[in-house]
Amino acid sequence: METHQKDLSYFRLRLQELLTASFPEKAYDVKFIDQRSSWASDAYEGAFRAGNPFGQCDYIADYVLFEGLYFSRFDTVFQVVCNEFDTRMADEELRPFALKMLPVCDPIFTNYKLTDDFADSSEFDLLYTELTGTIAIWIEENGLQ
């Protein structure tokens, strides 16, 4: 049971790191984090007991842990802010500004089917352009503060 606990905390930490960096809206969702970590730990243990090599066990656990978390709304907004508006603010202001813009941009994302590989789709360019316009209009109306 001790190794299971260690595995669970390992998965919880990995998921927490991803959520903090790329999914700040989920970073404090304890139920989500606990559930996913537990599922990943169980998946790893099951794969290991079935005789899979460690690499395959990791792959299976990661699939469960990160399912639906490969395309990040926040990372996309942050990318737009960094690429299109970086000359208007200091580097240390980019992430906080992107966090502020996430709820402003949220309605735009509802027009797209956001799959894990969405960033590689032709629709991504349309989304990027819409986000850029929305942020530009917001800055025009509200300033950078």
N, C-alpha and C. Protein backbone atom coordinates (compact mmCIF):
# COMPACT_ATOMS: atom_id res chain seq x y z
N MET A 1 0.83 -1.20 0.00
CA MET A 1 0.00 0.00 0.00
C MET A 1 0.87 1.26 0.00
N GLU A 2 2.06 1.17 0.58
CA GLU A 2 2.93 2.33 0.67
C GLU A 2 3.33 2.82 -0.72
N THR A 3 3.65 1.91 -1.65
CA THR A 3 4.02 2.33 -2.99
C THR A 3 2.84 2.98 -3.70
N HIS A 4 1.62 2.48 -3.41
CA HIS A 4 0.44 3.08 -4.01
C HIS A 4 0.31 4.54 -3.58
N GLN A 5 0.52 4.82 -2.31
CA GLN A 5 0.45 6.19 -1.80
C GLN A 5 1.51 7.06 -2.47
N LYS A 6 2.72 6.51 -2.60
CA LYS A 6 3.79 7.26 -3.25
C LYS A 6 3.39 7.54 -4.69
N ASP A 7 2.89 6.56 -5.38
CA ASP A 7 2.46 6.76 -6.76
C ASP A 7 1.36 7.81 -6.84
N LEU A 8 0.43 7.77 -5.92
CA LEU A 8 -0.67 8.71 -5.92
C LEU A 8 -0.15 10.14 -5.76
N SER A 9 0.77 10.36 -4.84
CA SER A 9 1.31 11.71 -4.64
C SER A 9 2.14 12.14 -5.86
N TYR A 10 2.82 11.19 -6.48
CA TYR A 10 3.58 11.49 -7.69
C TYR A 10 2.65 11.99 -8.79
N PHE A 11 1.55 11.29 -8.99
CA PHE A 11 0.60 11.69 -10.03
C PHE A 11 -0.08 13.01 -9.67
N ARG A 12 -0.40 13.18 -8.41
CA ARG A 12 -1.04 14.42 -7.95
C ARG A 12 -0.10 15.61 -8.22
N LEU A 13 1.17 15.46 -7.91
CA LEU A 13 2.14 16.54 -8.12
C LEU A 13 2.29 16.87 -9.60
N ARG A 14 2.40 15.85 -10.44
CA ARG A 14 2.53 16.08 -11.89
C ARG A 14 1.31 16.80 -12.45
N LEU A 15 0.14 16.37 -12.04
CA LEU A 15 -1.09 17.00 -12.52
C LEU A 15 -1.17 18.44 -12.01
N GLN A 16 -0.83 18.65 -10.75
CA GLN A 16 -0.87 19.99 -10.16
C GLN A 16 0.06 20.94 -10.91
N GLU A 17 1.24 20.47 -11.27
CA GLU A 17 2.19 21.29 -12.01
C GLU A 17 1.61 21.71 -13.36
N LEU A 18 1.01 20.77 -14.08
CA LEU A 18 0.41 21.10 -15.37
C LEU A 18 -0.74 22.08 -15.21
N LEU A 19 -1.60 21.84 -14.24
CA LEU A 19 -2.76 22.70 -14.06
C LEU A 19 -2.33 24.12 -13.67
N THR A 20 -1.36 24.23 -12.79
CA THR A 20 -0.88 25.55 -12.39
C THR A 20 -0.31 26.31 -13.58
N ALA A 21 0.43 25.62 -14.42
CA ALA A 21 1.07 26.28 -15.57
C ALA A 21 0.10 26.56 -16.71
N SER A 22 -0.76 25.60 -17.05
CA SER A 22 -1.53 25.70 -18.28
C SER A 22 -3.05 25.73 -18.11
N PHE A 23 -3.54 25.35 -16.95
CA PHE A 23 -4.98 25.32 -16.71
C PHE A 23 -5.28 25.97 -15.36
N PRO A 24 -4.93 27.26 -15.22
CA PRO A 24 -5.09 27.90 -13.91
C PRO A 24 -6.53 27.85 -13.40
N GLU A 25 -7.49 27.75 -14.31
CA GLU A 25 -8.88 27.67 -13.89
C GLU A 25 -9.20 26.35 -13.19
N LYS A 26 -8.35 25.34 -13.35
CA LYS A 26 -8.55 24.03 -12.70
C LYS A 26 -7.54 23.78 -11.58
N ALA A 27 -6.61 24.70 -11.38
CA ALA A 27 -5.49 24.46 -10.46
C ALA A 27 -5.91 24.21 -9.01
N TYR A 28 -7.09 24.69 -8.63
CA TYR A 28 -7.53 24.52 -7.24
C TYR A 28 -8.75 23.60 -7.13
N ASP A 29 -9.00 22.84 -8.19
CA ASP A 29 -10.12 21.90 -8.19
C ASP A 29 -9.65 20.59 -7.55
N VAL A 30 -9.72 20.55 -6.22
CA VAL A 30 -9.19 19.43 -5.46
C VAL A 30 -9.85 18.11 -5.85
N LYS A 31 -11.15 18.13 -6.07
CA LYS A 31 -11.86 16.90 -6.44
C LYS A 31 -11.34 16.36 -7.77
N PHE A 32 -11.17 17.24 -8.76
CA PHE A 32 -10.65 16.84 -10.06
C PHE A 32 -9.23 16.26 -9.91
N ILE A 33 -8.39 16.95 -9.18
CA ILE A 33 -7.00 16.52 -8.99
C ILE A 33 -6.95 15.17 -8.28
N ASP A 34 -7.72 15.03 -7.21
CA ASP A 34 -7.74 13.76 -6.46
C ASP A 34 -8.24 12.61 -7.33
N GLN A 35 -9.31 12.86 -8.08
CA GLN A 35 -9.90 11.81 -8.91
C GLN A 35 -8.94 11.38 -10.01
N ARG A 36 -8.41 12.34 -10.75
CA ARG A 36 -7.49 12.01 -11.84
C ARG A 36 -6.24 11.30 -11.33
N SER A 37 -5.69 11.78 -10.22
CA SER A 37 -4.48 11.18 -9.65
C SER A 37 -4.74 9.75 -9.24
N SER A 38 -5.88 9.53 -8.63
CA SER A 38 -6.26 8.19 -8.20
C SER A 38 -6.44 7.26 -9.40
N TRP A 39 -7.12 7.74 -10.42
CA TRP A 39 -7.31 6.93 -11.63
C TRP A 39 -5.97 6.59 -12.28
N ALA A 40 -5.08 7.56 -12.36
CA ALA A 40 -3.77 7.34 -12.99
C ALA A 40 -2.95 6.34 -12.18
N SER A 41 -2.99 6.48 -10.87
CA SER A 41 -2.27 5.55 -10.00
C SER A 41 -2.81 4.13 -10.17
N ASP A 42 -4.12 4.01 -10.20
CA ASP A 42 -4.75 2.69 -10.40
C ASP A 42 -4.41 2.13 -11.78
N ALA A 43 -4.40 2.99 -12.79
CA ALA A 43 -4.08 2.54 -14.15
C ALA A 43 -2.63 2.05 -14.21
N TYR A 44 -1.73 2.77 -13.56
CA TYR A 44 -0.32 2.38 -13.53
C TYR A 44 -0.18 1.03 -12.85
N GLU A 45 -0.80 0.90 -11.70
CA GLU A 45 -0.72 -0.34 -10.92
C GLU A 45 -1.28 -1.51 -11.71
N GLY A 46 -2.44 -1.29 -12.36
CA GLY A 46 -3.06 -2.35 -13.16
C GLY A 46 -2.19 -2.75 -14.34
N ALA A 47 -1.60 -1.78 -15.00
CA ALA A 47 -0.72 -2.06 -16.13
C ALA A 47 0.52 -2.82 -15.67
N PHE A 48 1.05 -2.43 -14.52
CA PHE A 48 2.23 -3.09 -13.97
C PHE A 48 1.92 -4.55 -13.61
N ARG A 49 0.79 -4.74 -12.95
CA ARG A 49 0.37 -6.11 -12.56
C ARG A 49 0.11 -6.98 -13.78
N ALA A 50 -0.29 -6.37 -14.88
CA ALA A 50 -0.55 -7.11 -16.11
C ALA A 50 0.75 -7.47 -16.84
N GLY A 51 1.89 -7.01 -16.30
CA GLY A 51 3.17 -7.38 -16.86
C GLY A 51 3.74 -6.41 -17.88
N ASN A 52 3.18 -5.23 -17.98
CA ASN A 52 3.70 -4.23 -18.92
C ASN A 52 5.04 -3.67 -18.43
N PRO A 53 5.91 -3.31 -19.35
CA PRO A 53 7.16 -2.65 -18.95
C PRO A 53 6.87 -1.27 -18.36
N PHE A 54 7.82 -0.75 -17.58
CA PHE A 54 7.62 0.53 -16.90
C PHE A 54 7.21 1.65 -17.85
N GLY A 55 7.86 1.73 -18.99
CA GLY A 55 7.54 2.78 -19.96
C GLY A 55 6.09 2.73 -20.41
N GLN A 56 5.58 1.53 -20.64
CA GLN A 56 4.18 1.37 -21.05
C GLN A 56 3.25 1.71 -19.89
N CYS A 57 3.63 1.35 -18.68
CA CYS A 57 2.82 1.70 -17.50
C CYS A 57 2.72 3.22 -17.37
N ASP A 58 3.86 3.91 -17.56
CA ASP A 58 3.87 5.38 -17.52
C ASP A 58 2.95 5.96 -18.58
N TYR A 59 3.04 5.41 -19.79
CA TYR A 59 2.23 5.89 -20.90
C TYR A 59 0.74 5.76 -20.59
N ILE A 60 0.35 4.62 -20.07
CA ILE A 60 -1.06 4.36 -19.74
C ILE A 60 -1.53 5.31 -18.64
N ALA A 61 -0.71 5.47 -17.61
CA ALA A 61 -1.07 6.36 -16.51
C ALA A 61 -1.17 7.81 -16.98
N ASP A 62 -0.22 8.23 -17.82
CA ASP A 62 -0.26 9.61 -18.35
C ASP A 62 -1.50 9.85 -19.19
N TYR A 63 -1.89 8.86 -19.96
CA TYR A 63 -3.09 8.99 -20.78
C TYR A 63 -4.30 9.29 -19.89
N VAL A 64 -4.40 8.56 -18.80
CA VAL A 64 -5.52 8.75 -17.87
C VAL A 64 -5.38 10.09 -17.15
N LEU A 65 -4.17 10.41 -16.71
CA LEU A 65 -3.93 11.62 -15.92
C LEU A 65 -4.21 12.90 -16.72
N PHE A 66 -3.77 12.92 -17.97
CA PHE A 66 -3.82 14.15 -18.75
C PHE A 66 -4.89 14.18 -19.83
N GLU A 67 -5.78 13.20 -19.84
CA GLU A 67 -6.82 13.15 -20.87
C GLU A 67 -7.61 14.46 -20.89
N GLY A 68 -7.75 15.03 -22.08
CA GLY A 68 -8.49 16.27 -22.23
C GLY A 68 -7.72 17.51 -21.81
N LEU A 69 -6.44 17.35 -21.48
CA LEU A 69 -5.64 18.48 -20.99
C LEU A 69 -4.47 18.79 -21.91
N TYR A 70 -4.57 18.45 -23.17
CA TYR A 70 -3.46 18.73 -24.08
C TYR A 70 -3.62 20.08 -24.76
N PHE A 71 -4.85 20.54 -24.92
CA PHE A 71 -5.06 21.88 -25.48
C PHE A 71 -5.48 22.79 -24.33
N SER A 72 -4.71 23.83 -24.11
CA SER A 72 -4.97 24.74 -23.00
C SER A 72 -5.49 26.08 -23.51
N ARG A 73 -6.64 26.48 -23.02
CA ARG A 73 -7.17 27.80 -23.34
C ARG A 73 -6.21 28.87 -22.84
N PHE A 74 -5.73 28.69 -21.61
CA PHE A 74 -4.82 29.69 -21.06
C PHE A 74 -3.53 29.79 -21.88
N ASP A 75 -2.92 28.66 -22.23
CA ASP A 75 -1.69 28.70 -23.02
C ASP A 75 -1.91 29.43 -24.34
N THR A 76 -3.08 29.25 -24.92
CA THR A 76 -3.40 29.90 -26.19
C THR A 76 -3.52 31.42 -26.00
N VAL A 77 -4.24 31.83 -24.97
CA VAL A 77 -4.36 33.26 -24.68
C VAL A 77 -2.98 33.84 -24.36
N PHE A 78 -2.20 33.12 -23.58
CA PHE A 78 -0.85 33.57 -23.22
C PHE A 78 0.02 33.70 -24.47
N GLN A 79 -0.10 32.75 -25.38
CA GLN A 79 0.65 32.79 -26.64
C GLN A 79 0.27 34.05 -27.43
N VAL A 80 -1.01 34.35 -27.52
CA VAL A 80 -1.46 35.55 -28.23
C VAL A 80 -0.91 36.80 -27.56
N VAL A 81 -1.02 36.87 -26.24
CA VAL A 81 -0.52 38.03 -25.50
C VAL A 81 0.98 38.21 -25.74
N CYS A 82 1.74 37.13 -25.66
CA CYS A 82 3.20 37.20 -25.84
C CYS A 82 3.58 37.58 -27.27
N ASN A 83 2.88 37.01 -28.23
CA ASN A 83 3.23 37.25 -29.63
C ASN A 83 2.74 38.60 -30.15
N GLU A 84 1.58 39.03 -29.72
CA GLU A 84 0.94 40.19 -30.34
C GLU A 84 0.99 41.46 -29.49
N PHE A 85 1.16 41.33 -28.18
CA PHE A 85 1.07 42.50 -27.31
C PHE A 85 2.28 42.66 -26.39
N ASP A 86 3.34 41.90 -26.65
CA ASP A 86 4.50 41.91 -25.77
C ASP A 86 5.23 43.25 -25.75
N THR A 87 5.10 44.04 -26.80
CA THR A 87 5.79 45.34 -26.84
C THR A 87 5.07 46.39 -26.00
N ARG A 88 3.87 46.07 -25.56
CA ARG A 88 3.07 47.03 -24.79
C ARG A 88 3.23 46.88 -23.28
N MET A 89 3.94 45.82 -22.86
CA MET A 89 4.08 45.60 -21.41
C MET A 89 5.39 44.88 -21.12
N ALA A 90 5.80 44.95 -19.87
CA ALA A 90 7.03 44.28 -19.44
C ALA A 90 6.80 42.77 -19.41
N ASP A 91 7.88 42.01 -19.56
CA ASP A 91 7.79 40.55 -19.59
C ASP A 91 7.06 39.99 -18.37
N GLU A 92 7.33 40.55 -17.18
CA GLU A 92 6.71 40.01 -15.97
C GLU A 92 5.21 40.33 -15.89
N GLU A 93 4.72 41.18 -16.77
CA GLU A 93 3.29 41.50 -16.80
C GLU A 93 2.51 40.62 -17.76
N LEU A 94 3.20 39.87 -18.62
CA LEU A 94 2.53 39.09 -19.66
C LEU A 94 1.62 38.01 -19.09
N ARG A 95 2.14 37.19 -18.17
CA ARG A 95 1.32 36.11 -17.60
C ARG A 95 0.14 36.65 -16.80
N PRO A 96 0.36 37.62 -15.90
CA PRO A 96 -0.81 38.17 -15.18
C PRO A 96 -1.85 38.77 -16.12
N PHE A 97 -1.39 39.42 -17.18
CA PHE A 97 -2.35 40.00 -18.13
C PHE A 97 -3.11 38.89 -18.86
N ALA A 98 -2.41 37.82 -19.25
CA ALA A 98 -3.08 36.69 -19.90
C ALA A 98 -4.11 36.06 -18.97
N LEU A 99 -3.79 35.96 -17.68
CA LEU A 99 -4.76 35.44 -16.71
C LEU A 99 -5.99 36.34 -16.65
N LYS A 100 -5.78 37.64 -16.73
CA LYS A 100 -6.89 38.59 -16.71
C LYS A 100 -7.73 38.46 -17.99
N MET A 101 -7.08 38.15 -19.09
CA MET A 101 -7.77 38.05 -20.38
C MET A 101 -8.52 36.73 -20.57
N LEU A 102 -8.16 35.71 -19.81
CA LEU A 102 -8.79 34.39 -19.98
C LEU A 102 -10.31 34.46 -19.87
N PRO A 103 -10.88 35.06 -18.82
CA PRO A 103 -12.36 35.14 -18.79
C PRO A 103 -12.94 36.03 -19.88
N VAL A 104 -12.19 37.03 -20.31
CA VAL A 104 -12.65 37.91 -21.39
C VAL A 104 -12.74 37.11 -22.70
N CYS A 105 -11.77 36.21 -22.89
CA CYS A 105 -11.69 35.42 -24.13
C CYS A 105 -12.51 34.14 -24.09
N ASP A 106 -12.92 33.73 -22.91
CA ASP A 106 -13.62 32.45 -22.75
C ASP A 106 -14.78 32.25 -23.73
N PRO A 107 -15.65 33.26 -23.95
CA PRO A 107 -16.77 33.04 -24.87
C PRO A 107 -16.33 32.67 -26.30
N ILE A 108 -15.17 33.12 -26.72
CA ILE A 108 -14.69 32.82 -28.07
C ILE A 108 -14.43 31.32 -28.22
N PHE A 109 -13.90 30.71 -27.19
CA PHE A 109 -13.57 29.29 -27.25
C PHE A 109 -14.80 28.42 -27.46
N THR A 110 -15.97 28.89 -27.04
CA THR A 110 -17.18 28.08 -27.18
C THR A 110 -17.58 27.87 -28.63
N ASN A 111 -17.02 28.67 -29.54
CA ASN A 111 -17.33 28.52 -30.97
C ASN A 111 -16.50 27.43 -31.64
N TYR A 112 -15.63 26.79 -30.90
CA TYR A 112 -14.73 25.79 -31.47
C TYR A 112 -14.82 24.48 -30.70
N LYS A 113 -14.60 23.39 -31.43
CA LYS A 113 -14.53 22.06 -30.80
C LYS A 113 -13.08 21.84 -30.40
N LEU A 114 -12.80 22.03 -29.12
CA LEU A 114 -11.43 22.00 -28.61
C LEU A 114 -11.02 20.59 -28.24
N THR A 115 -10.34 19.94 -29.16
CA THR A 115 -9.82 18.60 -28.92
C THR A 115 -8.36 18.71 -28.52
N ASP A 116 -7.78 17.61 -28.09
CA ASP A 116 -6.38 17.61 -27.68
C ASP A 116 -5.44 18.04 -28.79
N ASP A 117 -5.82 17.81 -30.04
CA ASP A 117 -4.94 18.18 -31.16
C ASP A 117 -5.45 19.43 -31.90
N PHE A 118 -6.28 20.23 -31.24
CA PHE A 118 -6.85 21.41 -31.88
C PHE A 118 -5.77 22.39 -32.36
N ALA A 119 -4.69 22.53 -31.62
CA ALA A 119 -3.63 23.48 -31.99
C ALA A 119 -3.03 23.16 -33.36
N ASP A 120 -3.18 21.93 -33.81
CA ASP A 120 -2.66 21.52 -35.12
C ASP A 120 -3.69 21.64 -36.23
N SER A 121 -4.89 22.10 -35.90
CA SER A 121 -5.97 22.16 -36.88
C SER A 121 -5.96 23.50 -37.63
N SER A 122 -6.65 23.51 -38.75
CA SER A 122 -6.75 24.74 -39.54
C SER A 122 -7.60 25.79 -38.81
N GLU A 123 -8.48 25.36 -37.95
CA GLU A 123 -9.33 26.28 -37.21
C GLU A 123 -8.56 27.07 -36.15
N PHE A 124 -7.40 26.56 -35.76
CA PHE A 124 -6.61 27.24 -34.73
C PHE A 124 -6.26 28.67 -35.16
N ASP A 125 -5.93 28.86 -36.43
CA ASP A 125 -5.58 30.19 -36.93
C ASP A 125 -6.76 31.16 -36.79
N LEU A 126 -7.96 30.66 -37.04
CA LEU A 126 -9.16 31.49 -36.87
C LEU A 126 -9.34 31.88 -35.40
N LEU A 127 -9.18 30.91 -34.53
CA LEU A 127 -9.28 31.18 -33.10
C LEU A 127 -8.24 32.21 -32.67
N TYR A 128 -7.02 32.02 -33.12
CA TYR A 128 -5.92 32.92 -32.78
C TYR A 128 -6.26 34.36 -33.20
N THR A 129 -6.78 34.50 -34.41
CA THR A 129 -7.15 35.82 -34.93
C THR A 129 -8.28 36.43 -34.11
N GLU A 130 -9.27 35.64 -33.77
CA GLU A 130 -10.39 36.14 -32.95
C GLU A 130 -9.91 36.57 -31.57
N LEU A 131 -9.02 35.78 -30.98
CA LEU A 131 -8.49 36.13 -29.66
C LEU A 131 -7.69 37.43 -29.73
N THR A 132 -6.88 37.56 -30.77
CA THR A 132 -6.07 38.77 -30.94
C THR A 132 -6.99 40.00 -31.04
N GLY A 133 -8.03 39.90 -31.84
CA GLY A 133 -8.98 41.01 -31.98
C GLY A 133 -9.69 41.33 -30.68
N THR A 134 -10.12 40.33 -29.98
CA THR A 134 -10.84 40.53 -28.71
C THR A 134 -9.94 41.23 -27.68
N ILE A 135 -8.70 40.78 -27.59
CA ILE A 135 -7.76 41.38 -26.64
C ILE A 135 -7.43 42.81 -27.06
N ALA A 136 -7.24 43.05 -28.35
CA ALA A 136 -6.95 44.40 -28.84
C ALA A 136 -8.11 45.35 -28.51
N ILE A 137 -9.33 44.91 -28.72
CA ILE A 137 -10.51 45.73 -28.40
C ILE A 137 -10.58 45.99 -26.90
N TRP A 138 -10.32 44.97 -26.09
CA TRP A 138 -10.34 45.14 -24.64
C TRP A 138 -9.31 46.18 -24.20
N ILE A 139 -8.11 46.09 -24.75
CA ILE A 139 -7.05 47.05 -24.41
C ILE A 139 -7.47 48.46 -24.85
N GLU A 140 -8.05 48.56 -26.02
CA GLU A 140 -8.50 49.86 -26.52
C GLU A 140 -9.54 50.49 -25.60
N GLU A 141 -10.44 49.66 -25.09
CA GLU A 141 -11.53 50.14 -24.24
C GLU A 141 -11.12 50.35 -22.78
N ASN A 142 -10.16 49.52 -22.30
CA ASN A 142 -9.83 49.51 -20.87
C ASN A 142 -8.40 49.90 -20.55
N GLY A 143 -7.55 49.97 -21.54
CA GLY A 143 -6.14 50.20 -21.27
C GLY A 143 -5.48 48.92 -20.77
N LEU A 144 -4.23 49.00 -20.41
CA LEU A 144 -3.53 47.80 -19.96
C LEU A 144 -3.72 47.53 -18.47
N GLN A 145 -4.20 48.47 -17.72
CA GLN A 145 -4.40 48.26 -16.29
C GLN A 145 -5.74 47.66 -16.09
